[in-house]
Protein backbone atom coordinates (compact mmCIF):
# COMPACT_ATOMS: atom_id res chain seq x y z
CA UNK A 1 -14.82 -4.68 -16.77
CA UNK A 2 -11.61 -5.52 -14.96
CA UNK A 3 -9.35 -8.29 -16.21
CA UNK A 4 -8.73 -10.73 -13.35
CA UNK A 5 -5.02 -11.04 -14.18
CA UNK A 6 -4.63 -7.26 -14.18
CA UNK A 7 -6.46 -7.01 -10.87
CA UNK A 8 -4.38 -9.75 -9.26
CA UNK A 9 -1.15 -8.26 -10.60
CA UNK A 10 -1.99 -4.73 -9.44
CA UNK A 11 -3.09 -5.89 -5.99
CA UNK A 12 -0.04 -8.08 -5.37
CA UNK A 13 2.25 -5.25 -6.47
CA UNK A 14 0.39 -2.67 -4.31
CA UNK A 15 0.28 -4.91 -1.23
CA UNK A 16 3.95 -5.79 -1.71
CA UNK A 17 4.89 -2.11 -1.95
CA UNK A 18 2.78 -1.29 1.12
CA UNK A 19 4.89 -3.77 3.10
CA UNK A 20 8.14 -2.57 1.54
CA UNK A 21 8.84 -5.97 0.01
CA UNK A 22 10.83 -6.67 -3.10
CA UNK A 23 9.67 -9.36 -5.51
CA UNK A 24 12.55 -11.46 -4.23
CA UNK A 25 11.50 -11.10 -0.58
CA UNK A 26 7.86 -11.87 -1.42
CA UNK A 27 8.99 -14.96 -3.32
CA UNK A 28 11.02 -16.07 -0.30
CA UNK A 29 8.09 -15.54 2.07
CA UNK A 30 5.68 -17.34 -0.30
CA UNK A 31 8.15 -20.21 -0.84
CA UNK A 32 8.42 -19.71 -4.59
CA UNK A 33 10.85 -18.18 -7.07
CA UNK A 34 11.37 -14.51 -7.85
CA UNK A 35 10.82 -15.36 -11.51
CA UNK A 36 7.37 -16.76 -10.71
CA UNK A 37 6.37 -13.62 -8.79
CA UNK A 38 7.62 -11.53 -11.74
CA UNK A 39 5.52 -13.63 -14.11
CA UNK A 40 2.41 -13.22 -11.95
CA UNK A 41 2.91 -9.46 -11.64
CA UNK A 42 3.64 -9.34 -15.37
CA UNK A 43 0.38 -11.23 -16.06
CA UNK A 44 2.21 -14.07 -17.81
CA UNK A 45 1.26 -16.75 -15.27
CA UNK A 46 -1.75 -17.34 -13.05
CA UNK A 47 -1.09 -19.01 -9.69
CA UNK A 48 -2.78 -22.11 -8.37
CA UNK A 49 -5.20 -21.79 -5.44
CA UNK A 50 -2.48 -23.09 -3.11
CA UNK A 51 0.02 -20.50 -4.37
CA UNK A 52 -2.60 -17.75 -4.03
CA UNK A 53 -2.94 -18.71 -0.37
CA UNK A 54 0.83 -18.65 0.13
CA UNK A 55 1.15 -15.24 -1.55
CA UNK A 56 -1.77 -13.84 0.44
CA UNK A 57 -0.26 -15.13 3.66
CA UNK A 58 3.13 -13.61 2.80
CA UNK A 59 1.36 -10.29 2.15
CA UNK A 60 -0.59 -10.60 5.42
CA UNK A 61 -3.89 -10.60 3.54
CA UNK A 62 -6.81 -12.96 3.12
CA UNK A 63 -6.82 -14.71 -0.26
CA UNK A 64 -9.98 -12.89 -1.50
CA UNK A 65 -8.21 -9.57 -0.87
CA UNK A 66 -5.93 -10.38 -3.81
CA UNK A 67 -8.98 -9.92 -6.05
CA UNK A 68 -10.57 -6.94 -4.34
CA UNK A 69 -11.32 -3.90 -6.43
CA UNK A 70 -9.84 -0.88 -4.70
CA UNK A 71 -12.32 1.78 -3.74
CA UNK A 72 -11.69 5.03 -5.59
CA UNK A 73 -12.66 6.75 -2.35
CA UNK A 74 -9.77 5.17 -0.42
CA UNK A 75 -7.15 7.17 -2.33
CA UNK A 76 -9.21 10.34 -2.11
CA UNK A 77 -9.70 9.83 1.62
CA UNK A 78 -5.94 9.39 2.14
CA UNK A 79 -5.16 12.59 0.23
CA UNK A 80 -7.76 14.60 2.17
CA UNK A 81 -6.56 13.27 5.52
CA UNK A 82 -2.97 14.04 4.58
CA UNK A 83 -3.88 17.63 3.66
CA UNK A 84 -5.87 18.08 6.88
CA UNK A 85 -2.91 16.76 8.86
CA UNK A 86 -0.57 19.19 7.05
CA UNK A 87 -2.82 22.14 7.92
CA UNK A 88 -3.04 21.07 11.56
CA UNK A 89 0.74 20.66 11.83
CA UNK A 90 1.29 24.10 10.25
CA UNK A 91 -1.13 25.70 12.71
CA UNK A 92 0.57 23.98 15.65
CA UNK A 93 3.98 25.25 14.52
CA UNK A 94 2.60 28.79 14.13
CA UNK A 95 1.04 28.69 17.60
CA UNK A 96 4.29 27.44 19.12
CA UNK A 97 6.17 30.21 17.32
CA UNK A 98 3.82 32.86 18.69
CA UNK A 99 4.19 31.59 22.25
CA UNK A 100 7.99 31.84 22.04
CA UNK A 101 8.11 35.45 20.84
CA UNK A 102 9.15 37.89 23.58
CA UNK A 103 6.35 40.11 24.80
CA UNK A 104 6.71 43.83 24.11
CA UNK A 105 6.97 46.39 26.87
CA UNK A 106 3.86 48.31 27.80
């Protein structure tokens, strides 16, 4: 069972990192203090419904998203797609390298 404070904290932190935001910038966008964001992420405080809406808006998410349980398949899917992309890019570079090599005399 997931603790709701842990879930909220982890999601806010992950969404904030995805957007490249510091706690200070998130606080500014949500019209609150950096200390309050630190306390929420540190599971010391739990925001009001109004503050949840402000934080969600600042993170460009819907409020229920702050409580969503991440799919374990999402991370796996990202890793697989990244590896597939790496293989494709390597093959493209090899093909380009072959096409640039001078042809031998017959």
